[in-house]
Amino acid sequence: MKKFSTTFLVLLVAALLAAAGIQEPKRILPTETDQAFFTRSVQEFSDHLFFAKEFEKENSMLSPLSVLLALGMTTNGADGPTLSSMLDVLTPEEGTLEQLNDANATYLDSIHKLRDIELSIANSLWLNKRVVFDKAFLNKTQEAYHATAKTLDFSAKSSLASINGWVKDATRGTIPTILDAIDPASLMYLINAVYFKGDWMLPFTKESTYEQDFFLKDKSVRVPFMHQSVQLPYANAMGAQMLLMPYTNSRFALVAMLPPLDTDLSSWLAGQKEEGIFTKRLFDSVDRLQETSMELSFPKFESSYKDSLVDELQAMGMKMPFDAMQADFSRMTENRSKDLVIGEVLHKTFIRVDEKGSEASAVTSVMIKMTSMPIREQFELTFNRPFFYAIIDREARIPLFMGTMGNPREQ
């Protein structure tokens, strides 16, 4: 009788809502904490974005977190099917915009009081002074993403300097610019910057750095390698040798994964893509690592990477926001104009790994434009061939950066 009564009440409520012209929401809030939802969103998005790319360069690195946050801000200006198409890519299928905002805000709040590590995440909006933007949209990006907003004359040369100056400051000079020019059709740039700097818990000494061979497919190059006798978390996992190198704040670490001798990095990554849930499996494997004594040799390197992510995001299913005939970003402007579209998504990254620790940064710029404009045993472990790496937040169980090192000699 109780089951019948509950079912009857559900049907009655649905009927009353329909009679009142109110439709039930298509997305249902999952019953999980903001942090759990954030972790799941970043892990799934990281997999999709990382494996959507066809890396042409030997050295590449992305910050899925930076891209997600930049697009998360942008999503607050989307409406209708455009909003749904963006949420389908940025969140698990049942996620809502409200939950995405809340989860992102919770993470941004959580990193404010970190010790022994520097992790800075900054968001900004650069607004064309010729357009009146919606106050609710601006308030939401400031509230959920701690974003600063500045109005500029996009026709003035000083505006480009202002935007690039903010990027340089936010990345401590590691990424001097994000834009080469301001697109005449642009109405707004939504920019995220992530900066990380951490010292190794067990640093190398410069006296133990010397050159040795790093083996490529058909040749070898001489590269400075750092050496030490050390005990670190290690295991054979996911078809590779996995090493975790913690920073002084052990919440963060660099994970390096070296494929077997008979498997090149591209083939290994292809297998990981086919198996799926790569990032989740990575963190599950990190949990099972064991302290192991080793003679470690690790290359000292510095690398920069840049690319447009439009093709990758469209391949992931986010097509409508780039389509002039379908995009709806009417919640961005006061006049509710539907003539807005994402014109470009630029991504730049930088990483330096040396005896002391690591420094890494990423910037993602989303440009909005008018649619009317054109659009334990002792053994030797040596990372002397191409490998995958990631800088991770072990507590939040998310990657801050994911990359491949194909040739330490190339920047």
Protein backbone atom coordinates (compact mmCIF):
# COMPACT_ATOMS: atom_id res chain seq x y z
CA MET A 1 0.00 0.00 0.00
CA LYS A 2 2.85 2.36 0.82
CA LYS A 3 4.51 1.72 -2.56
CA PHE A 4 1.24 2.46 -4.37
CA SER A 5 0.80 5.71 -2.43
CA THR A 6 4.31 6.93 -3.25
CA THR A 7 3.86 6.18 -6.94
CA PHE A 8 0.48 7.94 -6.93
CA LEU A 9 2.01 11.05 -5.32
CA VAL A 10 4.83 11.16 -7.89
CA LEU A 11 2.32 10.93 -10.74
CA LEU A 12 0.11 13.55 -9.14
CA VAL A 13 3.01 16.02 -8.75
CA ALA A 14 4.05 15.44 -12.36
CA ALA A 15 0.49 16.03 -13.54
CA LEU A 16 0.17 19.25 -11.53
CA LEU A 17 3.50 20.54 -12.89
CA ALA A 18 2.40 19.75 -16.44
CA ALA A 19 -0.93 21.47 -15.89
CA ALA A 20 0.90 24.55 -14.64
CA GLY A 21 3.08 24.57 -17.72
CA ILE A 22 6.23 23.66 -15.74
CA GLN A 23 8.45 20.95 -17.20
CA GLU A 24 10.63 18.70 -15.10
CA PRO A 25 14.35 19.41 -15.56
CA LYS A 26 16.10 17.10 -18.01
CA ARG A 27 19.16 16.88 -15.77
CA ILE A 28 18.94 15.48 -12.26
CA LEU A 29 21.49 16.51 -9.65
CA PRO A 30 23.54 13.49 -8.58
CA THR A 31 23.75 12.91 -4.84
CA GLU A 32 27.48 13.43 -4.39
CA THR A 33 29.67 16.09 -2.84
CA ASP A 34 31.05 19.00 -4.84
CA GLN A 35 34.54 17.51 -4.58
CA ALA A 36 33.42 14.07 -5.79
CA PHE A 37 31.57 15.63 -8.70
CA PHE A 38 34.56 17.84 -9.52
CA THR A 39 36.91 14.85 -9.48
CA ARG A 40 34.65 12.83 -11.75
CA SER A 41 34.16 15.75 -14.15
CA VAL A 42 37.88 16.56 -14.44
CA GLN A 43 38.89 12.91 -14.78
CA GLU A 44 36.40 12.22 -17.59
CA PHE A 45 37.13 15.51 -19.37
CA SER A 46 40.91 14.89 -19.06
CA ASP A 47 40.56 11.52 -20.78
CA HIS A 48 38.43 12.88 -23.60
CA LEU A 49 40.62 15.94 -24.26
CA PHE A 50 44.00 14.23 -23.95
CA PHE A 51 43.07 11.38 -26.28
CA ALA A 52 41.19 13.64 -28.72
CA LYS A 53 44.49 15.18 -29.78
CA GLU A 54 46.72 13.82 -32.49
CA PHE A 55 50.05 15.08 -31.20
CA GLU A 56 52.30 16.03 -34.09
CA LYS A 57 55.13 17.31 -31.88
CA GLU A 58 57.28 14.95 -29.85
CA ASN A 59 56.83 17.05 -26.72
CA SER A 60 53.30 18.03 -25.77
CA MET A 61 51.43 18.97 -22.63
CA LEU A 62 47.87 19.98 -21.84
CA SER A 63 46.13 21.25 -18.73
CA PRO A 64 42.63 19.76 -18.94
CA LEU A 65 41.80 21.64 -15.74
CA SER A 66 42.62 24.99 -17.36
CA VAL A 67 40.48 24.21 -20.41
CA LEU A 68 37.57 23.00 -18.29
CA LEU A 69 37.61 26.12 -16.13
CA ALA A 70 37.77 28.48 -19.12
CA LEU A 71 34.90 26.67 -20.83
CA GLY A 72 33.05 26.46 -17.51
CA MET A 73 32.99 30.25 -17.33
CA THR A 74 31.82 30.38 -20.94
CA THR A 75 29.01 27.92 -20.27
CA ASN A 76 27.38 30.44 -17.94
CA GLY A 77 26.58 32.54 -20.99
CA ALA A 78 25.07 29.67 -22.98
CA ASP A 79 21.39 28.75 -23.19
CA GLY A 80 19.15 26.03 -24.58
CA PRO A 81 20.74 23.24 -26.65
CA THR A 82 24.09 25.10 -26.67
CA LEU A 83 24.19 24.91 -22.87
CA SER A 84 23.30 21.21 -22.92
CA SER A 85 25.94 20.42 -25.55
CA MET A 86 28.64 22.08 -23.44
CA LEU A 87 27.55 20.36 -20.23
CA ASP A 88 27.55 17.02 -22.07
CA VAL A 89 31.31 17.47 -22.65
CA LEU A 90 32.31 19.24 -19.43
CA THR A 91 30.40 17.11 -16.90
CA PRO A 92 29.14 13.58 -16.42
CA GLU A 93 25.84 13.16 -18.26
CA GLU A 94 23.64 14.04 -15.30
CA GLY A 95 25.58 17.16 -14.31
CA THR A 96 24.01 20.59 -14.19
CA LEU A 97 25.48 24.07 -14.66
CA GLU A 98 24.78 24.88 -11.02
CA GLN A 99 26.70 21.84 -9.87
CA LEU A 100 29.58 22.53 -12.25
CA ASN A 101 29.86 26.08 -10.88
CA ASP A 102 29.62 24.93 -7.25
CA ALA A 103 32.19 22.17 -7.74
CA ASN A 104 34.65 24.49 -9.47
CA ALA A 105 34.21 27.13 -6.76
CA THR A 106 34.82 24.53 -4.05
CA TYR A 107 38.11 23.47 -5.64
CA LEU A 108 39.29 27.04 -6.17
CA ASP A 109 38.57 27.76 -2.50
CA SER A 110 40.44 24.61 -1.42
CA ILE A 111 43.81 25.68 -2.85
CA HIS A 112 44.05 29.09 -1.19
CA LYS A 113 45.92 27.93 1.91
CA LEU A 114 48.38 25.43 0.45
CA ARG A 115 51.82 25.21 2.06
CA ASP A 116 55.20 24.20 0.62
CA ILE A 117 53.82 24.43 -2.90
CA GLU A 118 52.68 27.18 -5.24
CA LEU A 119 49.46 26.54 -7.11
CA SER A 120 47.70 29.55 -8.54
CA ILE A 121 44.54 29.44 -10.66
CA ALA A 122 43.37 32.77 -12.06
CA ASN A 123 40.41 33.61 -14.28
CA SER A 124 39.69 36.79 -16.18
CA LEU A 125 37.17 38.28 -18.61
CA TRP A 126 38.21 40.89 -21.15
CA LEU A 127 35.19 42.75 -22.50
CA ASN A 128 34.77 44.82 -25.65
CA LYS A 129 33.63 48.27 -24.54
CA ARG A 130 31.20 48.47 -27.48
CA VAL A 131 29.00 45.74 -25.95
CA VAL A 132 26.81 45.83 -22.84
CA PHE A 133 27.23 42.52 -21.07
CA ASP A 134 24.66 40.90 -18.81
CA LYS A 135 25.31 41.64 -15.14
CA ALA A 136 24.02 38.26 -13.95
CA PHE A 137 26.49 36.50 -16.26
CA LEU A 138 29.40 38.63 -15.04
CA ASN A 139 28.39 38.19 -11.40
CA LYS A 140 28.22 34.39 -11.77
CA THR A 141 31.71 34.16 -13.27
CA GLN A 142 33.08 36.37 -10.50
CA GLU A 143 31.27 34.38 -7.80
CA ALA A 144 32.00 30.83 -8.99
CA TYR A 145 35.35 31.35 -10.72
CA HIS A 146 36.80 34.34 -8.83
CA ALA A 147 37.16 35.98 -12.24
CA THR A 148 38.18 39.57 -12.70
CA ALA A 149 36.45 41.51 -15.50
CA LYS A 150 37.90 44.45 -17.40
CA THR A 151 36.42 46.50 -20.24
CA LEU A 152 38.78 47.47 -23.04
CA ASP A 153 38.83 49.26 -26.35
CA PHE A 154 39.66 46.27 -28.55
CA SER A 155 40.80 48.57 -31.36
CA ALA A 156 43.57 50.03 -29.19
CA LYS A 157 47.05 48.44 -29.25
CA SER A 158 47.23 48.80 -25.48
CA SER A 159 44.42 46.23 -25.07
CA LEU A 160 46.56 43.43 -26.46
CA ALA A 161 49.33 44.42 -24.08
CA SER A 162 46.89 44.43 -21.15
CA ILE A 163 45.64 40.91 -21.87
CA ASN A 164 49.10 39.46 -22.47
CA GLY A 165 50.43 41.31 -19.43
CA TRP A 166 47.83 39.61 -17.24
CA VAL A 167 48.81 36.23 -18.70
CA LYS A 168 52.50 36.88 -18.06
CA ASP A 169 51.83 37.91 -14.46
CA ALA A 170 49.48 34.98 -13.81
CA THR A 171 52.06 32.47 -15.06
CA ARG A 172 55.04 34.17 -13.37
CA GLY A 173 56.54 34.98 -16.76
CA THR A 174 56.61 31.38 -18.01
CA ILE A 175 53.99 32.12 -20.69
CA PRO A 176 54.55 35.71 -21.88
CA THR A 177 51.59 35.89 -24.28
CA ILE A 178 48.41 34.11 -25.31
CA LEU A 179 47.28 36.36 -28.17
CA ASP A 180 49.27 37.57 -31.16
CA ALA A 181 46.49 40.02 -32.05
CA ILE A 182 42.95 40.86 -31.00
CA ASP A 183 40.45 39.58 -33.55
CA PRO A 184 38.41 42.52 -34.91
CA ALA A 185 35.26 40.39 -34.56
CA SER A 186 35.87 39.52 -30.92
CA LEU A 187 33.50 40.64 -28.20
CA MET A 188 35.08 38.90 -25.22
CA TYR A 189 38.04 36.78 -24.13
CA LEU A 190 37.55 34.40 -21.21
CA ILE A 191 40.98 33.36 -19.96
CA ASN A 192 42.15 30.84 -17.38
CA ALA A 193 45.75 30.55 -16.14
CA VAL A 194 47.16 27.74 -14.00
CA TYR A 195 50.60 28.07 -12.43
CA PHE A 196 52.36 25.37 -10.40
CA LYS A 197 55.75 25.34 -8.72
CA GLY A 198 56.93 22.68 -6.32
CA ASP A 199 60.22 21.40 -4.90
CA TRP A 200 60.91 17.67 -4.79
CA MET A 201 60.50 16.02 -1.42
CA LEU A 202 63.76 14.24 -2.32
CA PRO A 203 65.71 16.69 -4.53
CA PHE A 204 68.51 15.75 -6.89
CA THR A 205 71.96 17.31 -6.62
CA LYS A 206 73.45 19.24 -9.53
CA GLU A 207 76.70 17.32 -9.06
CA SER A 208 74.84 14.14 -10.02
CA THR A 209 73.57 15.56 -13.30
CA TYR A 210 75.42 14.52 -16.43
CA GLU A 211 74.66 13.74 -20.06
CA GLN A 212 73.67 10.33 -21.38
CA ASP A 213 71.69 8.92 -24.27
CA PHE A 214 67.95 9.38 -24.68
CA PHE A 215 66.73 6.89 -27.30
CA LEU A 216 64.29 7.91 -30.02
CA LYS A 217 62.79 5.67 -32.70
CA ASP A 218 65.74 5.72 -35.06
CA LYS A 219 68.46 7.58 -33.19
CA SER A 220 69.63 8.81 -29.80
CA VAL A 221 70.34 12.27 -28.42
CA ARG A 222 72.58 13.38 -25.57
CA VAL A 223 70.53 14.80 -22.69
CA PRO A 224 71.31 15.97 -19.14
CA PHE A 225 70.06 13.28 -16.72
CA MET A 226 69.58 13.75 -12.99
CA HIS A 227 70.63 10.79 -10.80
CA GLN A 228 70.07 9.64 -7.26
CA SER A 229 69.82 6.53 -5.08
CA VAL A 230 66.36 6.86 -3.67
CA GLN A 231 63.28 5.12 -2.34
CA LEU A 232 60.08 6.15 -4.11
CA PRO A 233 56.58 4.76 -4.80
CA TYR A 234 56.82 2.45 -7.83
CA ALA A 235 55.07 -0.46 -9.54
CA ASN A 236 54.47 -2.14 -12.85
CA ALA A 237 51.00 -0.89 -13.68
CA MET A 238 48.87 -0.25 -16.74
CA GLY A 239 51.42 -2.03 -18.92
CA ALA A 240 54.24 0.33 -17.93
CA GLN A 241 56.70 1.17 -15.17
CA MET A 242 55.02 3.78 -12.97
CA LEU A 243 57.00 6.10 -10.72
CA LEU A 244 55.64 8.75 -8.36
CA MET A 245 57.88 11.66 -7.38
CA PRO A 246 56.23 13.67 -4.57
CA TYR A 247 56.78 17.34 -3.92
CA THR A 248 57.37 18.81 -0.46
CA ASN A 249 53.62 19.12 -0.16
CA SER A 250 52.90 15.45 -0.78
CA ARG A 251 49.34 16.21 -1.91
CA PHE A 252 51.03 16.89 -5.27
CA ALA A 253 53.36 14.67 -7.24
CA LEU A 254 54.77 14.01 -10.68
CA VAL A 255 53.81 10.62 -12.10
CA ALA A 256 55.98 9.18 -14.88
CA MET A 257 55.05 6.07 -16.89
CA LEU A 258 57.67 4.29 -19.01
CA PRO A 259 56.34 1.80 -21.61
CA PRO A 260 58.16 -1.53 -22.16
CA LEU A 261 61.18 -1.64 -24.47
CA ASP A 262 59.20 -3.36 -27.23
CA THR A 263 56.34 -0.80 -27.12
CA ASP A 264 56.70 2.77 -28.30
CA LEU A 265 54.85 5.57 -26.52
CA SER A 266 52.27 6.07 -29.29
CA SER A 267 51.29 2.40 -29.27
CA TRP A 268 51.07 2.37 -25.48
CA LEU A 269 48.84 5.45 -25.46
CA ALA A 270 46.64 3.92 -28.17
CA GLY A 271 46.15 0.87 -25.97
CA GLN A 272 45.29 3.04 -22.96
CA LYS A 273 42.75 4.97 -25.03
CA GLU A 274 41.12 1.75 -26.17
CA GLU A 275 40.88 0.43 -22.61
CA GLY A 276 39.21 3.66 -21.42
CA ILE A 277 38.88 5.48 -18.05
CA PHE A 278 42.61 6.23 -18.23
CA THR A 279 42.75 8.93 -15.54
CA LYS A 280 40.70 6.90 -13.06
CA ARG A 281 42.92 3.87 -13.62
CA LEU A 282 45.98 6.08 -13.18
CA PHE A 283 44.86 7.21 -9.73
CA ASP A 284 43.79 3.69 -8.78
CA SER A 285 47.31 2.53 -9.71
CA VAL A 286 48.91 5.37 -7.73
CA ASP A 287 47.07 4.07 -4.66
CA ARG A 288 48.80 0.68 -5.09
CA LEU A 289 52.38 1.89 -5.55
CA GLN A 290 54.97 0.53 -3.12
CA GLU A 291 58.08 2.20 -1.73
CA THR A 292 60.97 0.78 -3.76
CA SER A 293 64.71 1.39 -3.59
CA MET A 294 66.24 2.28 -6.93
CA GLU A 295 68.99 4.01 -8.84
CA LEU A 296 66.94 6.66 -10.59
CA SER A 297 67.94 8.51 -13.75
CA PHE A 298 65.50 11.13 -14.94
CA PRO A 299 65.96 13.65 -17.76
CA LYS A 300 66.17 17.33 -17.00
CA PHE A 301 63.98 19.17 -19.48
CA GLU A 302 62.06 22.30 -20.38
CA SER A 303 59.23 22.35 -22.89
CA SER A 304 56.55 24.66 -24.29
CA TYR A 305 53.46 23.76 -26.30
CA LYS A 306 50.66 25.66 -28.00
CA ASP A 307 47.64 24.77 -30.10
CA SER A 308 44.06 25.56 -30.99
CA LEU A 309 41.64 23.10 -29.37
CA VAL A 310 38.62 23.78 -31.60
CA ASP A 311 38.92 20.56 -33.61
CA GLU A 312 39.43 18.45 -30.49
CA LEU A 313 36.44 19.95 -28.66
CA GLN A 314 34.23 19.45 -31.69
CA ALA A 315 35.40 15.84 -31.96
CA MET A 316 34.40 15.42 -28.30
CA GLY A 317 30.85 16.49 -29.14
CA MET A 318 30.99 20.23 -28.46
CA LYS A 319 29.99 21.31 -31.97
CA MET A 320 27.05 23.64 -31.43
CA PRO A 321 28.96 26.42 -29.58
CA PHE A 322 31.16 26.87 -32.68
CA ASP A 323 28.29 26.76 -35.19
CA ALA A 324 27.08 30.20 -36.25
CA MET A 325 23.67 28.77 -37.19
CA GLN A 326 23.06 27.01 -33.86
CA ALA A 327 25.09 28.65 -31.07
CA ASP A 328 23.14 30.42 -28.33
CA PHE A 329 25.16 32.56 -25.92
CA SER A 330 22.29 35.00 -25.35
CA ARG A 331 22.84 35.01 -21.58
CA MET A 332 26.11 36.88 -22.04
CA THR A 333 24.74 40.21 -23.25
CA GLU A 334 22.12 42.57 -21.94
CA ASN A 335 20.17 42.56 -25.23
CA ARG A 336 20.11 38.71 -25.26
CA SER A 337 21.74 38.62 -28.68
CA LYS A 338 21.95 35.17 -30.28
CA ASP A 339 24.58 36.32 -32.79
CA LEU A 340 27.44 35.07 -30.60
CA VAL A 341 29.68 32.06 -31.14
CA ILE A 342 32.96 30.66 -29.83
CA GLY A 343 35.51 31.78 -32.41
CA GLU A 344 38.65 30.19 -30.97
CA VAL A 345 40.00 28.20 -28.02
CA LEU A 346 43.75 28.69 -27.63
CA HIS A 347 45.89 26.68 -25.23
CA LYS A 348 49.53 27.24 -24.22
CA THR A 349 51.59 25.27 -21.70
CA PHE A 350 55.08 25.34 -20.21
CA ILE A 351 57.01 22.91 -18.00
CA ARG A 352 60.49 22.84 -16.50
CA VAL A 353 61.83 19.83 -14.57
CA ASP A 354 65.21 20.16 -12.83
CA GLU A 355 67.14 19.03 -9.76
CA LYS A 356 65.11 21.21 -7.39
CA GLY A 357 61.59 20.45 -8.60
CA SER A 358 59.08 21.38 -11.28
CA GLU A 359 57.50 24.53 -12.65
CA ALA A 360 54.52 24.30 -14.97
CA SER A 361 51.86 26.61 -16.31
CA ALA A 362 48.96 26.68 -18.74
CA VAL A 363 46.72 29.32 -20.25
CA THR A 364 43.41 28.77 -22.04
CA SER A 365 41.69 31.56 -23.93
CA VAL A 366 38.09 31.28 -25.17
CA MET A 367 37.20 33.98 -27.69
CA ILE A 368 33.57 34.96 -28.23
CA LYS A 369 32.72 36.74 -31.47
CA MET A 370 29.73 37.82 -33.54
CA THR A 371 28.31 35.15 -35.87
CA SER A 372 27.95 37.77 -38.59
CA MET A 373 31.75 37.88 -38.87
CA PRO A 374 33.75 35.08 -40.63
CA ILE A 375 34.71 32.28 -38.26
CA ARG A 376 61.28 -2.75 -3.19
CA GLU A 377 64.20 -4.54 -4.87
CA GLN A 378 67.25 -2.69 -5.98
CA PHE A 379 67.21 -2.09 -9.70
CA GLU A 380 67.96 0.59 -12.25
CA LEU A 381 65.16 2.74 -13.62
CA THR A 382 66.15 5.09 -16.43
CA PHE A 383 63.68 7.22 -18.36
CA ASN A 384 65.84 7.21 -21.47
CA ARG A 385 63.11 6.93 -24.09
CA PRO A 386 59.77 8.66 -24.74
CA PHE A 387 57.40 8.58 -21.77
CA PHE A 388 54.11 9.93 -20.44
CA TYR A 389 53.97 12.16 -17.37
CA ALA A 390 51.42 14.02 -15.27
CA ILE A 391 51.48 16.43 -12.35
CA ILE A 392 48.63 15.37 -10.09
CA ASP A 393 46.59 16.51 -7.12
CA ARG A 394 46.42 13.30 -5.09
CA GLU A 395 43.79 14.59 -2.70
CA ALA A 396 41.36 15.77 -5.37
CA ARG A 397 42.48 12.86 -7.58
CA ILE A 398 42.83 15.02 -10.67
CA PRO A 399 45.67 15.75 -13.09
CA LEU A 400 46.84 19.34 -13.21
CA PHE A 401 48.95 18.65 -16.29
CA MET A 402 49.29 15.66 -18.64
CA GLY A 403 52.08 15.35 -21.18
CA THR A 404 54.44 13.29 -23.29
CA MET A 405 58.21 13.68 -23.40
CA GLY A 406 59.49 12.52 -26.74
CA ASN A 407 62.77 14.42 -26.97
CA PRO A 408 64.18 16.41 -24.04
CA ARG A 409 66.48 18.29 -26.45
CA GLU A 410 63.53 19.98 -28.16
CA GLN A 411 61.65 22.85 -26.56
